Protein backbone atom coordinates (compact mmCIF):
# COMPACT_ATOMS: atom_id res chain seq x y z
CA UNK A 1 97.93 134.22 48.77
CA UNK A 2 96.61 131.23 46.84
CA UNK A 3 95.82 128.15 48.89
CA UNK A 4 97.88 124.97 48.52
CA UNK A 5 96.92 121.63 50.01
CA UNK A 6 100.46 120.74 51.04
CA UNK A 7 103.91 119.51 50.09
CA UNK A 8 102.72 116.27 48.46
CA UNK A 9 100.42 118.19 46.13
CA UNK A 10 103.36 120.37 45.13
CA UNK A 11 105.55 117.34 44.43
CA UNK A 12 102.84 115.53 42.44
CA UNK A 13 102.08 118.67 40.42
CA UNK A 14 105.79 119.02 39.55
CA UNK A 15 105.96 115.36 38.50
CA UNK A 16 102.87 115.64 36.30
CA UNK A 17 104.17 118.86 34.75
CA UNK A 18 107.50 117.20 33.87
CA UNK A 19 105.73 114.17 32.37
CA UNK A 20 103.42 116.38 30.31
CA UNK A 21 106.36 118.45 29.03
CA UNK A 22 107.92 115.22 27.68
CA UNK A 23 104.58 114.00 26.25
CA UNK A 24 104.79 110.89 28.39
CA UNK A 25 101.93 108.88 29.88
CA UNK A 26 103.78 107.81 32.99
CA UNK A 27 102.10 107.41 36.35
CA UNK A 28 103.57 107.65 39.82
CA UNK A 29 102.68 105.72 42.95
CA UNK A 30 103.74 107.48 46.13
CA UNK A 31 103.55 106.79 49.86
CA UNK A 32 105.15 107.51 53.22
CA UNK A 33 107.21 104.66 54.69
CA UNK A 34 109.15 103.94 57.87
CA UNK A 35 112.42 105.16 56.37
CA UNK A 36 114.28 107.95 58.25
CA UNK A 37 112.76 111.46 58.11
CA UNK A 38 113.47 113.51 54.96
CA UNK A 39 114.84 110.48 53.10
CA UNK A 40 113.32 109.23 49.85
CA UNK A 41 113.50 106.42 47.32
CA UNK A 42 112.70 106.37 43.61
CA UNK A 43 112.07 102.92 42.13
CA UNK A 44 111.42 103.24 38.35
CA UNK A 45 108.93 100.93 36.67
CA UNK A 46 110.18 98.92 33.70
CA UNK A 47 107.75 100.56 31.28
CA UNK A 48 107.84 104.11 32.66
CA UNK A 49 106.74 105.88 35.79
CA UNK A 50 107.94 105.12 39.28
CA UNK A 51 107.19 104.21 42.86
CA UNK A 52 108.32 107.10 45.04
CA UNK A 53 108.48 106.80 48.82
CA UNK A 54 109.56 109.10 51.63
CA UNK A 55 110.31 108.74 55.31
CA UNK A 56 107.88 111.60 55.97
CA UNK A 57 105.88 114.14 53.97
CA UNK A 58 108.96 116.31 53.38
CA UNK A 59 111.01 113.35 52.19
CA UNK A 60 108.21 112.23 49.89
CA UNK A 61 108.01 115.73 48.41
CA UNK A 62 111.78 115.68 47.83
CA UNK A 63 111.46 112.34 46.03
CA UNK A 64 108.72 113.62 43.74
CA UNK A 65 110.69 116.80 43.01
CA UNK A 66 113.82 114.75 42.24
CA UNK A 67 111.86 112.49 39.87
CA UNK A 68 110.40 115.54 38.12
CA UNK A 69 113.88 117.03 37.65
CA UNK A 70 115.23 113.78 36.22
CA UNK A 71 112.37 113.61 33.72
CA UNK A 72 112.86 117.22 32.64
CA UNK A 73 116.62 116.79 32.27
CA UNK A 74 116.87 113.34 30.66
CA UNK A 75 113.41 111.97 29.92
CA UNK A 76 114.32 108.98 32.09
CA UNK A 77 114.22 107.91 35.71
CA UNK A 78 116.94 106.15 37.66
CA UNK A 79 116.86 104.33 40.97
CA UNK A 80 117.67 106.70 43.82
CA UNK A 81 117.93 106.39 47.60
CA UNK A 82 118.76 109.67 49.35
CA UNK A 83 118.96 110.86 52.95
CA UNK A 84 120.05 114.21 54.43
CA UNK A 85 123.66 114.65 55.53
CA UNK A 86 122.85 117.86 57.42
CA UNK A 87 119.68 117.86 59.55
CA UNK A 88 119.16 121.65 59.69
CA UNK A 89 119.38 123.59 56.41
CA UNK A 90 118.06 127.03 57.18
CA UNK A 91 117.76 130.45 55.56
CA UNK A 92 117.20 133.79 57.31
CA UNK A 93 115.66 136.97 55.94
CA UNK A 94 115.00 140.29 57.62
CA UNK A 95 111.32 141.22 57.31
CA UNK A 96 112.04 144.80 56.21
CA UNK A 97 114.21 143.48 53.34
CA UNK A 98 111.71 140.83 52.25
CA UNK A 99 108.61 142.85 51.44
CA UNK A 100 107.38 140.25 48.92
CA UNK A 101 103.87 140.09 47.56
CA UNK A 102 101.89 136.88 48.06
CA UNK A 103 102.96 135.20 44.83
CA UNK A 104 106.61 136.00 45.38
CA UNK A 105 106.47 134.45 48.85
CA UNK A 106 105.05 131.31 47.30
CA UNK A 107 107.78 131.27 44.65
CA UNK A 108 110.36 131.77 47.41
CA UNK A 109 109.19 128.75 49.40
CA UNK A 110 109.05 126.69 46.21
CA UNK A 111 112.73 127.55 45.70
CA UNK A 112 113.54 126.52 49.27
CA UNK A 113 111.70 123.23 48.84
CA UNK A 114 113.42 122.42 45.52
CA UNK A 115 116.81 123.17 47.06
CA UNK A 116 116.10 121.01 50.15
CA UNK A 117 116.01 123.78 52.75
CA UNK A 118 113.88 122.74 55.71
CA UNK A 119 113.89 125.87 57.90
CA UNK A 120 113.10 129.53 57.31
CA UNK A 121 113.53 132.31 59.87
CA UNK A 122 111.84 135.68 59.37
CA UNK A 123 113.53 138.33 61.49
CA UNK A 124 111.72 141.37 62.86
CA UNK A 125 113.70 144.18 64.46
CA UNK A 126 110.40 145.82 65.41
CA UNK A 127 107.22 143.99 66.42
CA UNK A 128 105.22 142.69 63.43
CA UNK A 129 102.07 144.68 62.78
CA UNK A 130 100.41 142.95 59.81
CA UNK A 131 99.47 139.67 61.46
CA UNK A 132 97.26 138.62 58.55
CA UNK A 133 100.25 138.69 56.22
CA UNK A 134 102.43 136.95 58.79
CA UNK A 135 99.82 134.21 59.03
CA UNK A 136 99.81 133.84 55.23
CA UNK A 137 103.61 133.61 55.10
CA UNK A 138 103.74 130.92 57.78
CA UNK A 139 100.97 129.03 55.93
CA UNK A 140 102.93 129.20 52.67
CA UNK A 141 106.01 127.83 54.42
CA UNK A 142 103.99 124.88 55.73
CA UNK A 143 102.59 124.22 52.25
CA UNK A 144 106.14 123.47 51.07
CA UNK A 145 107.30 121.61 54.20
CA UNK A 146 109.54 124.44 55.41
CA UNK A 147 109.61 124.92 59.19
CA UNK A 148 108.84 128.55 59.98
CA UNK A 149 110.58 130.40 62.83
CA UNK A 150 109.48 133.86 63.96
CA UNK A 151 112.51 135.84 65.16
CA UNK A 152 112.06 138.93 67.34
CA UNK A 153 115.46 140.56 67.60
CA UNK A 154 114.36 143.68 69.50
CA UNK A 155 111.59 142.31 71.64
CA UNK A 156 109.55 144.99 73.42
CA UNK A 157 106.46 144.73 75.62
CA UNK A 158 104.22 145.84 72.76
CA UNK A 159 105.38 142.91 70.59
CA UNK A 160 102.31 141.10 72.01
CA UNK A 161 103.61 137.57 71.51
CA UNK A 162 100.30 136.13 72.73
CA UNK A 163 98.38 137.92 69.95
CA UNK A 164 100.93 136.86 67.33
CA UNK A 165 100.68 133.20 68.31
CA UNK A 166 96.89 133.33 68.40
CA UNK A 167 96.73 134.91 64.93
CA UNK A 168 99.33 132.58 63.37
CA UNK A 169 98.63 128.98 64.45
CA UNK A 170 101.37 127.55 62.20
CA UNK A 171 104.16 129.34 64.05
CA UNK A 172 105.76 126.55 66.07
CA UNK A 173 109.13 128.14 66.92
CA UNK A 174 110.08 131.61 68.12
CA UNK A 175 113.54 133.09 68.50
CA UNK A 176 114.09 135.94 70.93
CA UNK A 177 117.21 138.11 70.70
CA UNK A 178 118.31 141.47 72.17
CA UNK A 179 115.64 141.43 74.82
CA UNK A 180 116.00 142.42 78.46
CA UNK A 181 117.76 139.70 80.42
CA UNK A 182 115.66 140.51 83.47
CA UNK A 183 114.16 137.09 84.17
CA UNK A 184 110.91 138.43 85.65
CA UNK A 185 110.27 140.54 82.56
CA UNK A 186 111.25 137.66 80.28
CA UNK A 187 108.83 135.31 82.02
CA UNK A 188 105.99 137.75 81.43
CA UNK A 189 106.88 138.70 77.84
CA UNK A 190 107.97 135.30 76.58
CA UNK A 191 107.35 132.34 78.88
CA UNK A 192 103.75 133.19 79.75
CA UNK A 193 102.54 133.57 76.10
CA UNK A 194 104.30 130.34 75.11
CA UNK A 195 102.75 128.36 77.96
CA UNK A 196 99.27 129.70 77.20
CA UNK A 197 99.47 129.27 73.39
CA UNK A 198 97.35 126.11 73.46
CA UNK A 199 99.92 124.21 71.38
CA UNK A 200 103.60 123.33 71.52
CA UNK A 201 105.68 126.36 70.51
CA UNK A 202 109.42 125.87 70.91
CA UNK A 203 111.71 128.66 72.03
CA UNK A 204 115.20 129.40 70.72
CA UNK A 205 116.41 131.61 73.60
CA UNK A 206 119.61 133.35 74.49
CA UNK A 207 122.05 130.71 75.87
CA UNK A 208 121.95 132.05 79.43
CA UNK A 209 118.15 131.63 79.52
CA UNK A 210 117.97 128.00 78.39
CA UNK A 211 117.94 126.57 81.90
CA UNK A 212 115.24 128.98 83.10
CA UNK A 213 113.09 128.14 80.07
CA UNK A 214 113.38 124.42 80.68
CA UNK A 215 112.58 124.81 84.37
CA UNK A 216 109.46 126.80 83.40
CA UNK A 217 108.28 123.93 81.20
CA UNK A 218 109.04 125.68 77.91
CA UNK A 219 109.94 123.51 74.92
CA UNK A 220 113.45 124.61 73.92
CA UNK A 221 114.54 124.08 70.33
CA UNK A 222 117.19 121.40 70.14
CA UNK A 223 119.18 120.97 66.94
CA UNK A 224 120.79 117.53 66.70
CA UNK A 225 124.59 117.44 66.43
CA UNK A 226 125.87 116.83 62.94
CA UNK A 227 128.67 117.19 60.47
CA UNK A 228 128.28 118.96 58.11
CA UNK A 229 126.94 121.33 60.76
CA UNK A 230 123.36 122.50 60.66
CA UNK A 231 123.02 126.17 59.78
CA UNK A 232 120.76 129.21 59.51
CA UNK A 233 122.39 131.45 56.92
CA UNK A 234 121.64 134.85 55.39
CA UNK A 235 121.16 134.45 51.64
CA UNK A 236 120.33 137.08 48.98
CA UNK A 237 116.72 138.26 49.00
CA UNK A 238 116.65 138.42 45.18
CA UNK A 239 116.57 134.64 44.99
CA UNK A 240 115.52 134.62 41.34
CA UNK A 241 118.94 136.06 40.38
CA UNK A 242 120.86 133.66 42.64
CA UNK A 243 119.48 130.23 41.81
CA UNK A 244 122.94 128.63 41.77
CA UNK A 245 123.78 130.20 45.14
CA UNK A 246 120.67 128.72 46.77
CA UNK A 247 121.28 125.38 45.04
CA UNK A 248 124.82 125.10 46.42
CA UNK A 249 123.88 125.85 50.03
CA UNK A 250 120.73 123.69 50.12
CA UNK A 251 121.49 120.75 47.85
CA UNK A 252 125.08 120.14 48.91
CA UNK A 253 124.08 120.32 52.58
CA UNK A 254 121.44 117.64 51.93
CA UNK A 255 123.84 115.58 49.80
CA UNK A 256 127.56 116.55 49.68
CA UNK A 257 127.93 114.46 46.49
CA UNK A 258 125.34 116.52 44.61
CA UNK A 259 126.34 117.27 41.03
CA UNK A 260 125.92 120.73 39.45
CA UNK A 261 122.38 121.58 38.29
CA UNK A 262 121.49 119.94 35.01
CA UNK A 263 124.99 118.33 35.07
CA UNK A 264 126.48 121.55 33.74
CA UNK A 265 130.25 121.76 33.38
CA UNK A 266 131.10 124.05 36.31
CA UNK A 267 134.79 123.56 37.18
CA UNK A 268 134.56 125.54 40.43
CA UNK A 269 131.48 123.68 41.72
CA UNK A 270 133.43 121.49 44.14
CA UNK A 271 135.22 124.53 45.57
CA UNK A 272 131.86 126.33 45.84
CA UNK A 273 130.34 123.43 47.77
CA UNK A 274 133.37 123.46 50.07
CA UNK A 275 133.01 127.22 50.54
CA UNK A 276 129.36 126.84 51.51
CA UNK A 277 130.31 124.22 54.11
CA UNK A 278 133.08 126.39 55.58
CA UNK A 279 130.90 129.50 55.68
CA UNK A 280 128.12 127.58 57.43
CA UNK A 281 130.51 126.02 59.96
CA UNK A 282 132.11 129.40 60.71
CA UNK A 283 128.69 130.87 61.54
CA UNK A 284 127.85 128.46 64.35
CA UNK A 285 128.68 129.38 67.94
CA UNK A 286 130.62 126.14 68.57
CA UNK A 287 129.92 122.43 68.66
CA UNK A 288 131.55 119.12 69.54
CA UNK A 289 134.02 119.31 66.65
CA UNK A 290 134.62 123.06 66.23
CA UNK A 291 136.12 125.24 68.98
CA UNK A 292 134.63 128.64 69.73
CA UNK A 293 137.03 131.58 69.71
CA UNK A 294 136.98 131.81 73.51
CA UNK A 295 137.59 128.07 73.85
CA UNK A 296 140.44 128.12 71.34
CA UNK A 297 142.14 131.05 73.11
CA UNK A 298 141.72 129.33 76.45
CA UNK A 299 143.39 126.23 74.99
CA UNK A 300 146.28 128.36 73.69
CA UNK A 301 146.80 130.13 77.04
CA UNK A 302 146.61 126.90 79.05
CA UNK A 303 148.61 124.85 76.54
CA UNK A 304 145.69 122.43 76.39
CA UNK A 305 145.41 119.85 73.60
CA UNK A 306 142.20 119.57 71.58
CA UNK A 307 141.17 117.78 68.42
CA UNK A 308 138.55 120.43 67.66
CA UNK A 309 139.06 122.58 64.61
CA UNK A 310 140.48 125.93 65.70
CA UNK A 311 139.47 129.36 64.37
CA UNK A 312 142.91 129.61 62.74
CA UNK A 313 142.20 126.46 60.69
CA UNK A 314 138.77 127.73 59.67
CA UNK A 315 140.21 131.12 58.68
CA UNK A 316 142.86 129.46 56.52
CA UNK A 317 140.27 127.26 54.78
CA UNK A 318 137.98 130.24 54.13
CA UNK A 319 140.83 132.18 52.51
CA UNK A 320 141.69 129.14 50.37
CA UNK A 321 138.18 128.70 48.97
CA UNK A 322 137.85 132.47 48.49
CA UNK A 323 141.00 132.48 46.35
CA UNK A 324 139.59 129.66 44.24
CA UNK A 325 136.22 131.34 43.63
CA UNK A 326 136.89 135.08 43.38
CA UNK A 327 138.40 134.84 39.83
CA UNK A 328 135.39 132.84 38.56
CA UNK A 329 133.35 134.12 35.63
CA UNK A 330 130.15 132.94 37.33
CA UNK A 331 128.62 135.67 39.49
CA UNK A 332 127.28 133.36 42.21
CA UNK A 333 130.71 131.77 42.60
CA UNK A 334 132.25 135.23 42.89
CA UNK A 335 129.66 136.07 45.55
CA UNK A 336 130.53 132.90 47.47
CA UNK A 337 134.20 133.83 47.28
CA UNK A 338 133.55 137.33 48.64
CA UNK A 339 131.34 135.89 51.36
CA UNK A 340 134.09 133.45 52.41
CA UNK A 341 136.73 136.20 52.40
CA UNK A 342 134.53 138.55 54.42
CA UNK A 343 133.75 135.81 56.94
CA UNK A 344 137.47 134.96 57.28
CA UNK A 345 138.37 138.60 57.95
CA UNK A 346 135.61 139.01 60.57
CA UNK A 347 136.59 135.76 62.26
CA UNK A 348 140.25 136.84 62.27
CA UNK A 349 139.37 140.19 63.86
CA UNK A 350 137.33 138.50 66.59
CA UNK A 351 140.10 135.96 67.21
CA UNK A 352 142.78 138.68 67.43
CA UNK A 353 140.63 140.69 69.83
CA UNK A 354 140.14 137.68 72.10
CA UNK A 355 143.87 136.90 72.04
CA UNK A 356 144.63 140.48 73.18
CA UNK A 357 148.12 140.41 71.69
CA UNK A 358 149.08 136.98 73.01
CA UNK A 359 150.89 134.83 70.44
CA UNK A 360 148.87 132.00 68.97
CA UNK A 361 150.89 129.31 67.19
CA UNK A 362 149.48 128.11 63.90
CA UNK A 363 147.92 124.65 64.21
CA UNK A 364 150.32 121.82 63.45
CA UNK A 365 147.85 119.43 61.83
CA UNK A 366 149.18 115.87 61.83
CA UNK A 367 148.24 113.12 59.35
CA UNK A 368 145.46 110.91 60.64
CA UNK A 369 146.82 107.56 61.93
CA UNK A 370 145.15 104.18 61.56
CA UNK A 371 142.22 104.11 63.98
CA UNK A 372 139.96 101.07 64.32
CA UNK A 373 136.70 100.70 66.22
CA UNK A 374 133.80 98.25 66.00
CA UNK A 375 130.66 100.28 66.82
CA UNK A 376 128.24 99.10 69.49
CA UNK A 377 124.81 99.38 67.88
CA UNK A 378 122.53 98.25 70.69
CA UNK A 379 122.58 97.46 74.41
CA UNK A 380 120.24 96.23 77.09
CA UNK A 381 118.68 98.79 79.36
CA UNK A 382 120.29 97.54 82.58
CA UNK A 383 123.76 96.62 81.33
CA UNK A 384 126.95 98.71 80.94
CA UNK A 385 128.29 99.32 77.45
CA UNK A 386 131.87 98.32 76.62
CA UNK A 387 133.63 100.15 73.75
CA UNK A 388 137.20 99.63 72.54
CA UNK A 389 139.44 101.70 70.25
CA UNK A 390 142.66 100.59 68.53
CA UNK A 391 145.22 103.26 67.56
CA UNK A 392 148.42 102.91 65.54
CA UNK A 393 150.20 106.13 66.50
CA UNK A 394 153.33 106.99 68.49
CA UNK A 395 152.17 110.61 68.69
CA UNK A 396 148.92 109.89 70.58
CA UNK A 397 149.09 110.73 74.29
CA UNK A 398 145.51 110.23 75.51
CA UNK A 399 142.04 109.16 74.41
CA UNK A 400 138.73 110.69 75.46
CA UNK A 401 135.38 108.99 75.18
CA UNK A 402 132.51 111.51 74.86
CA UNK A 403 128.93 110.25 75.29
CA UNK A 404 125.47 111.61 76.02
CA UNK A 405 121.76 110.84 75.50
CA UNK A 406 120.68 111.25 71.89
CA UNK A 407 118.32 114.12 72.74
CA UNK A 408 120.62 115.99 75.12
CA UNK A 409 123.61 118.30 74.99
CA UNK A 410 124.92 117.22 78.41
CA UNK A 411 128.06 115.34 77.37
CA UNK A 412 130.09 113.20 79.76
CA UNK A 413 133.77 112.44 79.15
CA UNK A 414 136.13 109.68 80.24
CA UNK A 415 139.86 110.07 79.52
CA UNK A 416 142.58 107.42 79.53
CA UNK A 417 146.24 107.30 78.45
CA UNK A 418 146.77 106.30 74.83
CA UNK A 419 147.70 102.71 74.05
CA UNK A 420 147.45 100.31 71.14
CA UNK A 421 144.03 99.31 72.50
CA UNK A 422 141.96 101.42 74.89
CA UNK A 423 138.66 100.27 76.44
CA UNK A 424 135.93 102.26 78.18
CA UNK A 425 132.76 101.39 80.09
CA UNK A 426 129.63 103.50 79.66
CA UNK A 427 127.26 103.11 82.65
CA UNK A 428 123.80 101.56 82.06
CA UNK A 429 121.27 103.98 80.60
CA UNK A 430 117.57 103.91 79.77
CA UNK A 431 117.76 106.10 76.66
CA UNK A 432 119.48 105.89 73.28
CA UNK A 433 122.86 107.58 73.30
CA UNK A 434 125.63 108.80 71.04
CA UNK A 435 129.35 108.45 71.57
CA UNK A 436 132.60 109.33 69.83
CA UNK A 437 136.32 109.36 70.59
CA UNK A 438 138.84 112.21 70.72
CA UNK A 439 142.48 111.17 70.37
CA UNK A 440 144.97 113.83 71.53
CA UNK A 441 148.58 114.02 70.27
CA UNK A 442 151.89 115.55 71.37
CA UNK A 443 151.42 118.52 68.98
CA UNK A 444 148.42 119.82 71.04
CA UNK A 445 146.05 118.64 68.34
CA UNK A 446 144.33 115.38 67.62
CA UNK A 447 141.74 113.44 65.69
CA UNK A 448 138.14 112.33 66.15
CA UNK A 449 136.74 108.85 65.60
CA UNK A 450 134.58 108.68 63.60
CA UNK A 451 136.16 111.32 61.37
CA UNK A 452 133.63 114.20 61.18
CA UNK A 453 134.98 115.33 57.83
CA UNK A 454 134.16 112.06 56.08
CA UNK A 455 131.16 110.51 57.84
CA UNK A 456 128.55 110.89 60.57
CA UNK A 457 130.67 112.12 63.50
CA UNK A 458 129.26 109.84 66.20
CA UNK A 459 127.94 106.36 66.82
CA UNK A 460 124.38 105.70 68.01
CA UNK A 461 123.56 103.00 70.57
CA UNK A 462 119.92 101.92 70.65
CA UNK A 463 118.81 100.83 74.12
CA UNK A 464 116.59 97.76 74.12
CA UNK A 465 113.59 98.08 76.45
CA UNK A 466 112.88 95.41 79.01
CA UNK A 467 110.66 92.62 77.70
CA UNK A 468 107.07 92.74 79.01
CA UNK A 469 106.37 90.72 82.13
CA UNK A 470 104.53 87.53 81.26
């Protein structure tokens, strides 16, 4: 596999290629700034060329790639400031179905980089044997700023995780599935090699083993909460024949307002972007804004109100987008439609099985009322945080405040009866935190504030450190 110095070299080479194709003499100045990770800015010069900046190396690469695309498409550059809407944009492939040669692997990661994917998971159902090739693949991923995850979905003692990590120094995350849940065996096969790797290697374990991993001092992969939800999705291995498919999943996850490639007239593009979002959200186990099947059934049985999207709502949305895309004349849109339909049917079967014949009323989704809140953006380390919500709704019955440290999944909840104005007090904390509100109504549903379907679904409070002692 040919060597590549890194993501910036790829971005600069793409920019220079685009300029040369247009017979232009433009230059580009580029640098990393203190902007948020993966964000970028393009500031065109008056007489051609541009100043491109990124919040990190990946963001800078994205900026250079975007500038190159603009030059190829229009021969001009416009001012751009972009940041990711979805933090995790991942693709999975099974190793036995991705027997690419070296150059095809490089072309694959170039596609992922251009389409703003930032994670790639290679799944082995048997222990990997060709460690030299695995090392080259993980190196190629790093060259294009794609985080590489090694997934072992049938982990056996002879998988030799210690040898794999020693041979492939760029593997920084491993995912273990379908292994023995015997903790002693797991500690020997997984924990011990991770602790002795000589570098930080994060583990994505089975849910029931998270606590044991943390207690053993293992770095556990933590994906930040988001809407649109982060995802790791199975996409076609013949990526060259599905460029539009990859574009829709990657680009619209990075920026939901992304236009079709090359500004083509694609009437179903909006429905396709919606389908990608619904497919991705249906794949996740559950999160703060989407109920798992078990949780939804428990709510039905107990008559418990929840503002979370239920499986029934997701199923209905998947069928809707499938109906919009299946008649398309564009093959990738047809594929998206089939994928949405198939996911809806599988989700329905799992939901029915969990219900075990119990009736489940269809969700009675109510129009969102007027909800007002002035976010608290910062607080002192030793002071409580006061937050207030105003609601204009006769249907609201209670309000929940959910909050937790920014880097934790341990959410705390305070609930109060609904009123025109409801105030809560968050105890003093020494770390940045997120918070959001859940308003429950008489129809067993509710709404979130902020609205996860239109904006970032939580507020962030930055905690000010104590001033140094003079």
